[in-house]
Protein backbone atom coordinates (compact mmCIF):
# COMPACT_ATOMS: atom_id res chain seq x y z
CA MET A 1 -0.33 -0.06 0.00
CA ILE A 2 2.74 2.21 0.91
CA ARG A 3 4.74 1.35 -2.46
CA LEU A 4 1.26 2.17 -4.32
CA LEU A 5 0.50 5.60 -2.43
CA LEU A 6 4.12 6.70 -3.40
CA VAL A 7 3.75 5.81 -7.08
CA VAL A 8 0.31 7.45 -7.17
CA MET A 9 1.78 10.64 -5.27
CA LEU A 10 4.58 10.78 -8.04
CA ALA A 11 2.24 10.26 -10.83
CA LEU A 12 0.11 13.28 -9.46
CA SER A 13 3.20 15.30 -9.15
CA SER A 14 4.57 14.55 -12.80
CA LEU A 15 1.15 15.50 -13.82
CA GLN A 16 0.98 18.83 -12.06
CA VAL A 17 4.32 19.54 -13.74
CA LEU A 18 3.31 18.76 -17.01
CA ALA A 19 -0.13 20.80 -16.55
CA ALA A 20 1.76 23.72 -15.60
CA GLY A 21 4.21 23.39 -18.61
CA ALA A 22 7.20 24.12 -16.93
CA PRO A 23 9.56 22.32 -14.02
CA ASP A 24 9.53 23.48 -10.65
CA GLY A 25 12.82 25.19 -11.01
CA LEU A 26 10.70 27.87 -13.11
CA PHE A 27 8.68 28.89 -10.34
CA VAL A 28 9.70 31.51 -7.43
CA LYS A 29 8.36 30.95 -4.02
CA LEU A 30 8.86 33.93 -1.55
CA ASP A 31 9.41 33.03 2.26
CA ARG A 32 10.24 35.40 4.97
CA ALA A 33 13.88 35.43 4.10
CA SER A 34 12.76 36.71 0.57
CA ASP A 35 14.15 40.18 0.01
CA VAL A 36 15.75 40.09 -3.52
CA ILE A 37 15.45 37.22 -6.24
CA ASP A 38 17.05 37.07 -9.17
CA ILE A 39 14.54 35.70 -11.34
CA SER A 40 16.29 35.70 -14.58
CA ARG A 41 16.96 31.77 -14.16
CA HIS A 42 13.29 31.22 -13.42
CA LEU A 43 11.99 32.20 -16.62
CA ALA A 44 10.91 30.19 -19.57
CA PHE A 45 10.64 31.81 -22.94
CA TYR A 46 8.94 31.51 -26.34
CA GLU A 47 10.01 33.25 -29.55
CA ASP A 48 7.42 34.64 -31.55
CA PRO A 49 8.78 35.82 -34.84
CA SER A 50 5.43 37.13 -36.18
CA SER A 51 4.89 39.63 -33.21
CA ASN A 52 1.34 38.67 -33.56
CA LEU A 53 0.04 36.56 -30.45
CA ASN A 54 -1.83 38.35 -27.65
CA ILE A 55 -1.58 37.32 -24.05
CA TYR A 56 -4.78 35.40 -24.10
CA GLN A 57 -3.33 33.23 -27.01
CA ILE A 58 0.04 33.25 -25.01
CA LYS A 59 -1.58 32.08 -21.98
CA ARG A 60 -3.85 29.64 -23.55
CA ARG A 61 -0.92 28.00 -25.38
CA TRP A 62 1.62 28.30 -22.93
CA PRO A 63 1.93 24.60 -21.82
CA ASP A 64 2.63 23.62 -25.19
CA ILE A 65 4.86 26.41 -26.27
CA GLY A 66 6.97 27.57 -23.32
CA SER A 67 10.42 26.21 -23.04
CA LYS A 68 10.93 23.68 -20.45
CA THR A 69 14.47 23.59 -19.40
CA ILE A 70 15.82 25.90 -16.56
CA PRO A 71 18.13 28.54 -18.10
CA LEU A 72 21.85 28.57 -16.44
CA LYS A 73 22.10 31.99 -17.01
CA ALA A 74 20.06 35.05 -18.10
CA TYR A 75 18.48 34.87 -21.74
CA ASN A 76 20.50 37.13 -23.95
CA PHE A 77 19.32 36.75 -27.54
CA GLY A 78 21.30 39.27 -29.12
CA PHE A 79 19.61 41.55 -32.10
CA THR A 80 16.77 40.00 -33.30
CA ASP A 81 13.35 41.04 -34.99
CA SER A 82 11.02 38.48 -33.09
CA THR A 83 9.14 39.19 -30.23
CA TYR A 84 10.05 37.46 -26.99
CA TRP A 85 7.66 36.09 -24.33
CA PHE A 86 8.65 34.90 -20.73
CA HIS A 87 6.72 33.18 -17.99
CA THR A 88 7.14 32.32 -14.35
CA ARG A 89 4.89 31.72 -11.38
CA VAL A 90 5.69 33.50 -8.15
CA GLU A 91 4.22 32.42 -4.78
CA ASN A 92 4.03 34.17 -1.89
CA VAL A 93 4.40 30.93 0.65
CA SER A 94 5.03 32.79 4.23
CA SER A 95 6.69 36.60 3.29
CA PRO A 96 4.97 39.37 5.37
CA ASN A 97 5.69 41.68 2.76
CA ASP A 98 3.18 42.27 0.02
CA GLN A 99 4.64 45.12 -1.96
CA TRP A 100 7.12 43.88 -4.63
CA VAL A 101 9.22 45.58 -7.50
CA ILE A 102 10.20 43.68 -10.87
CA GLU A 103 13.38 45.29 -11.98
CA GLY A 104 14.49 44.93 -15.44
CA LEU A 105 18.50 45.26 -15.44
CA TYR A 106 18.57 46.11 -19.17
CA PRO A 107 17.34 49.94 -19.48
CA ILE A 108 17.67 50.04 -23.18
CA ILE A 109 14.92 47.54 -24.19
CA ASP A 110 12.25 49.59 -26.23
CA GLU A 111 8.87 47.79 -25.10
CA MET A 112 8.77 45.59 -21.94
CA GLU A 113 4.93 44.57 -20.96
CA LEU A 114 4.22 42.85 -17.81
CA PHE A 115 0.90 40.87 -17.48
CA VAL A 116 -0.16 39.73 -14.17
CA VAL A 117 -2.37 36.74 -14.30
CA ARG A 118 -4.32 35.77 -10.82
CA ALA A 119 -6.78 33.21 -10.01
CA ALA A 120 -9.76 35.56 -10.23
CA GLY A 121 -9.89 38.93 -11.83
CA PRO A 122 -8.86 40.53 -15.02
CA ILE A 123 -5.20 40.68 -16.46
CA GLU A 124 -3.15 43.28 -15.11
CA ARG A 125 -0.90 45.12 -17.64
CA GLN A 126 2.07 47.40 -17.24
CA ILE A 127 4.78 48.86 -19.68
CA ALA A 128 8.07 50.48 -19.67
CA GLY A 129 11.03 50.52 -22.00
CA ASP A 130 13.07 53.64 -23.18
CA SER A 131 10.97 54.18 -26.32
CA VAL A 132 7.95 54.59 -23.49
CA PRO A 133 7.21 57.74 -22.38
CA PHE A 134 9.20 57.59 -18.86
CA HIS A 135 5.86 58.49 -16.93
CA ARG A 136 4.41 55.10 -17.67
CA ARG A 137 7.11 53.27 -15.23
CA ALA A 138 5.69 52.37 -11.86
CA ARG A 139 8.51 54.07 -10.22
CA ASP A 140 10.71 57.25 -11.04
CA HIS A 141 13.77 54.90 -11.63
CA HIS A 142 16.50 54.63 -14.51
CA ASN A 143 15.79 50.77 -14.66
CA ILE A 144 12.55 49.41 -16.18
CA ASN A 145 10.29 48.69 -13.25
CA PHE A 146 6.86 47.15 -12.20
CA ASP A 147 4.76 47.14 -9.25
CA LEU A 148 3.54 43.76 -7.90
CA THR A 149 1.00 43.17 -4.93
CA LEU A 150 1.31 39.76 -3.67
CA ASN A 151 -0.06 38.68 -0.39
CA ARG A 152 0.90 35.68 1.76
CA GLY A 153 -0.88 32.82 0.20
CA GLU A 154 -1.45 34.10 -3.07
CA SER A 155 0.39 33.20 -6.33
CA VAL A 156 0.28 34.60 -9.77
CA ASP A 157 1.74 34.01 -12.95
CA LEU A 158 3.95 36.71 -14.75
CA TYR A 159 4.08 36.85 -18.49
CA PHE A 160 6.90 39.47 -20.01
CA ARG A 161 6.39 40.62 -23.91
CA VAL A 162 9.64 42.03 -24.73
CA LYS A 163 10.10 43.82 -28.45
CA THR A 164 13.31 46.15 -29.41
CA SER A 165 14.93 47.28 -31.88
CA GLY A 166 18.47 46.51 -29.98
CA ALA A 167 19.41 43.18 -28.00
CA VAL A 168 16.87 41.01 -26.03
CA GLN A 169 18.36 40.75 -22.72
CA MET A 170 16.37 39.36 -19.86
CA ARG A 171 18.35 40.27 -16.16
CA THR A 172 15.46 40.48 -14.09
CA LYS A 173 15.14 40.83 -10.33
CA LEU A 174 12.19 40.89 -7.72
CA TRP A 175 12.66 42.76 -4.71
CA SER A 176 10.60 43.81 -1.57
CA LEU A 177 9.56 47.26 -1.61
CA ASP A 178 12.01 48.21 1.17
CA SER A 179 15.06 46.24 -0.16
CA PHE A 180 14.51 48.09 -3.35
CA SER A 181 14.37 51.19 -1.91
CA HIS A 182 17.48 50.90 0.15
CA ALA A 183 19.62 49.30 -3.13
CA ASP A 184 18.39 52.50 -5.18
CA HIS A 185 20.03 54.57 -2.45
CA GLN A 186 23.04 52.84 -2.35
CA GLU A 187 23.26 52.53 -6.39
CA ARG A 188 22.84 56.43 -6.65
CA PHE A 189 25.57 57.26 -4.37
CA VAL A 190 27.84 54.87 -6.22
CA LEU A 191 26.61 56.49 -9.64
CA GLY A 192 27.10 60.02 -8.03
CA LEU A 193 30.72 59.44 -7.39
CA PHE A 194 31.46 57.68 -11.05
CA TYR A 195 29.69 60.67 -13.07
CA GLY A 196 31.34 63.35 -10.59
CA LEU A 197 34.66 61.82 -11.53
CA LEU A 198 33.93 62.38 -15.38
CA ILE A 199 32.74 65.63 -14.88
CA ALA A 200 35.99 66.47 -13.02
CA MET A 201 38.05 64.80 -15.78
CA LEU A 202 36.02 66.89 -18.34
CA ILE A 203 36.73 70.29 -16.76
CA PHE A 204 40.29 69.27 -16.06
CA SER A 205 41.00 68.42 -19.47
CA PHE A 206 39.35 71.25 -21.23
CA LEU A 207 41.03 74.06 -19.02
CA ILE A 208 44.21 72.38 -19.89
CA PHE A 209 43.22 72.66 -23.65
CA LEU A 210 42.33 76.48 -23.00
CA SER A 211 45.84 76.66 -21.24
CA ILE A 212 48.16 75.24 -23.67
CA ARG A 213 46.24 74.81 -26.85
CA ASP A 214 47.08 71.05 -27.29
CA THR A 215 44.48 69.52 -29.40
CA ASN A 216 44.92 66.04 -27.94
CA TYR A 217 42.94 67.38 -24.80
CA LEU A 218 40.41 68.92 -26.95
CA TRP A 219 39.70 65.40 -28.49
CA TYR A 220 39.84 64.00 -25.27
CA SER A 221 37.45 66.43 -23.66
CA GLY A 222 34.96 65.84 -26.75
CA TYR A 223 35.33 61.95 -25.81
CA ILE A 224 34.90 62.13 -22.03
CA PHE A 225 31.80 64.32 -22.66
CA ASN A 226 30.12 62.01 -25.15
CA TYR A 227 31.27 59.19 -23.15
CA GLY A 228 29.63 60.26 -20.18
CA ILE A 229 26.30 60.90 -21.96
CA LEU A 230 26.48 57.55 -23.74
CA GLN A 231 27.09 55.95 -20.10
CA SER A 232 24.08 57.49 -18.97
CA SER A 233 22.02 56.67 -21.87
CA LEU A 234 23.01 52.89 -21.39
CA ASN A 235 22.04 52.83 -17.80
CA GLY A 236 18.76 54.78 -17.98
CA LEU A 237 19.85 58.00 -16.14
CA SER A 238 19.76 60.32 -19.28
CA PHE A 239 16.13 59.46 -19.87
CA GLU A 240 15.00 59.85 -16.23
CA HIS A 241 16.94 63.18 -15.70
CA LEU A 242 17.94 64.84 -19.24
CA TRP A 243 14.71 63.95 -21.45
CA PRO A 244 12.38 61.90 -19.90
CA ASP A 245 9.50 63.33 -22.28
CA SER A 246 11.29 62.76 -25.48
CA PRO A 247 11.24 58.81 -25.96
CA TRP A 248 11.60 59.16 -29.81
CA TRP A 249 15.18 60.61 -29.09
CA ASN A 250 15.74 58.25 -26.49
CA ASN A 251 15.22 55.36 -28.49
CA ARG A 252 17.82 56.87 -30.87
CA ALA A 253 20.39 58.22 -28.49
CA VAL A 254 22.44 55.04 -27.94
CA ALA A 255 23.22 54.66 -31.68
CA VAL A 256 24.19 58.31 -32.06
CA LEU A 257 26.29 58.35 -29.30
CA ILE A 258 27.85 55.09 -30.11
CA ALA A 259 28.83 56.59 -33.37
CA SER A 260 29.84 59.86 -32.12
CA GLY A 261 32.04 58.50 -29.31
CA MET A 262 34.15 56.35 -31.72
CA PHE A 263 34.65 59.39 -34.10
CA PHE A 264 36.16 61.09 -30.65
CA VAL A 265 38.13 58.16 -29.99
CA LEU A 266 39.71 57.94 -33.64
CA GLY A 267 40.32 61.38 -33.28
CA PHE A 268 42.11 61.19 -30.13
CA SER A 269 43.94 58.38 -31.09
CA ARG A 270 45.23 59.68 -34.47
CA SER A 271 46.45 62.72 -32.91
CA PHE A 272 48.03 61.24 -29.80
CA LEU A 273 49.81 58.72 -31.91
CA ALA A 274 50.75 60.67 -34.40
CA LEU A 275 49.69 58.56 -37.03
CA LYS A 276 50.37 61.10 -40.11
CA ALA A 277 53.92 60.84 -39.27
CA ASN A 278 54.25 57.32 -37.66
CA ALA A 279 51.69 55.13 -39.66
CA PRO A 280 50.44 56.91 -42.69
CA VAL A 281 48.21 53.98 -44.16
CA LEU A 282 46.70 53.65 -40.81
CA ASN A 283 46.04 57.73 -40.76
CA ARG A 284 43.99 57.74 -43.99
CA THR A 285 42.60 54.45 -42.47
CA PHE A 286 41.24 56.70 -39.30
CA LEU A 287 40.22 59.58 -41.29
CA ALA A 288 37.99 57.20 -43.62
CA MET A 289 36.54 55.43 -40.45
CA MET A 290 35.91 59.05 -38.94
CA GLY A 291 33.84 60.01 -42.09
CA VAL A 292 31.82 56.79 -41.78
CA PHE A 293 30.95 57.58 -38.10
CA ALA A 294 30.27 61.17 -38.68
CA LEU A 295 27.51 59.64 -41.00
CA ALA A 296 26.49 56.73 -38.76
CA ALA A 297 25.98 59.31 -35.96
CA VAL A 298 23.25 61.52 -38.22
CA ALA A 299 21.69 58.28 -39.48
CA PRO A 300 19.51 57.26 -36.63
CA MET A 301 17.73 60.62 -36.92
CA ILE A 302 16.61 60.15 -40.44
CA SER A 303 16.23 56.27 -40.96
CA PRO A 304 12.91 55.02 -41.31
CA SER A 305 13.78 51.94 -39.43
CA TYR A 306 16.22 52.15 -36.37
CA ALA A 307 17.30 48.40 -36.17
CA PRO A 308 19.52 48.32 -38.76
CA VAL A 309 21.07 51.31 -37.77
CA ILE A 310 22.15 50.59 -34.12
CA ARG A 311 23.50 47.19 -35.45
CA PHE A 312 25.67 48.90 -37.82
CA ASN A 313 26.86 51.44 -35.59
CA SER A 314 27.64 48.77 -33.12
CA PHE A 315 29.31 46.50 -35.84
CA PHE A 316 31.57 49.40 -36.96
CA ALA A 317 32.47 50.35 -33.12
CA VAL A 318 33.94 46.78 -32.77
CA LEU A 319 35.88 47.21 -35.96
CA ALA A 320 37.12 50.80 -34.76
CA ALA A 321 38.07 49.61 -31.41
CA THR A 322 40.02 46.73 -32.91
CA LEU A 323 41.52 48.96 -35.15
CA VAL A 324 42.48 51.42 -32.41
CA MET A 325 44.34 48.83 -30.27
CA PHE A 326 46.12 47.55 -33.52
CA ALA A 327 47.31 51.13 -34.45
CA GLY A 328 48.69 51.32 -30.49
CA GLY A 329 50.38 48.13 -31.13
CA VAL A 330 52.29 49.26 -34.53
CA CYS A 331 53.46 52.42 -32.99
CA LEU A 332 54.57 50.73 -29.95
CA TYR A 333 56.62 48.35 -32.31
CA ARG A 334 58.02 51.15 -34.26
CA ASN A 335 59.30 52.73 -30.65
CA TYR A 336 57.04 55.51 -30.72
CA ARG A 337 57.29 56.67 -26.85
CA PRO A 338 53.95 57.79 -26.31
CA ALA A 339 52.38 54.61 -27.46
CA ARG A 340 53.37 53.27 -24.54
CA PHE A 341 51.41 55.35 -22.45
CA PHE A 342 48.60 54.84 -24.78
CA MET A 343 48.57 50.98 -24.66
CA LEU A 344 48.74 50.89 -21.05
CA ALA A 345 45.77 53.71 -20.43
CA TRP A 346 43.62 52.27 -23.07
CA THR A 347 43.80 48.73 -23.56
CA ALA A 348 41.51 47.83 -20.56
CA LEU A 349 39.07 50.50 -21.81
CA LEU A 350 38.89 49.31 -25.24
CA ALA A 351 38.89 45.62 -24.26
CA GLY A 352 35.68 46.41 -21.82
CA MET A 353 34.24 48.28 -24.88
CA LEU A 354 34.69 44.99 -27.08
CA LEU A 355 33.09 42.94 -24.20
CA TYR A 356 29.93 45.16 -23.80
CA LEU A 357 29.79 45.06 -27.72
CA PHE A 358 29.99 41.08 -27.90
CA LYS A 359 27.33 40.89 -25.09
CA THR A 360 25.15 43.10 -27.22
CA PHE A 361 25.58 40.91 -30.22
CA GLY A 362 25.25 37.68 -28.08
CA VAL A 363 28.17 36.24 -28.48
CA LEU A 364 28.99 36.75 -24.56
CA PRO A 365 26.44 36.26 -21.67
CA ALA A 366 24.92 39.44 -20.01
CA ASN A 367 26.30 39.41 -16.53
CA VAL A 368 27.79 41.60 -14.20
């Protein structure tokens, strides 16, 4: 009898998993110790190449179409024209917290919709993204975020719909409200230090240029200014503080700033390495690439389709960063003394640039 009962219980458990359409590892359970949970590895996904399915069709068909394997890391599908759907079930087993925040850690997704499906009542919908007006967000925060009310003993199904011209990356966290507020306070402090240092470097470099009229410092000042705006756009701060009422520009700003940033990188490198004297062929190549990036900076604002422009600019940024490192190596090989300092100072930055771009193309995983 005991064996029979065990077999029946196992069968019922298997049927329950099959009915849900996903293994237990894709579900999230909240207890008293739950303050923040990385739900990236608890998401099932479905790719919708046609982008025609709605939440009611997805909900009805999910047991058949949703992925069944537990992801080893956050999803990163790179550039794609498809719409992606993600699902998880969250159950508040014993947590006294009933107010939660869902945070998307990739702020430059064009549109992310959250559909909350409860046992009773209508489906709740929220939307955010870098092409959605900033005031549509649940909270004034640089990352995409949604509110979730979940009382003890209650469970909900969460469906995310993601459509973007850039890369689809799904690093996502679920926070209790108090923990989210505390983490945001700490993050703002660190970001303040970071951007404060950039501003100090910008002012210092520009004052040196005014003092000694060395064009290296003018190129460098232009690069730092551009880099600061680009970085703040990548982490959503520009949308929050500089142009919250301009989603059209915000959606295109990253592509523009990547191109203009690489224009300044190439200009500074060409000037600092004295390529006209040390490597004339590379000098002409740099000038040609600078012309390409000047046009590429304008293209996002006049092109009817944004997707190919951001992909083109990102791909050429990889080529440009590689070219700069190659030029530094050539000048170092030819015993041009300033090339030592250039390679020492810029290799880490350019390598980081390449890592970020490879991550954007889906070659590398999306992680810290």
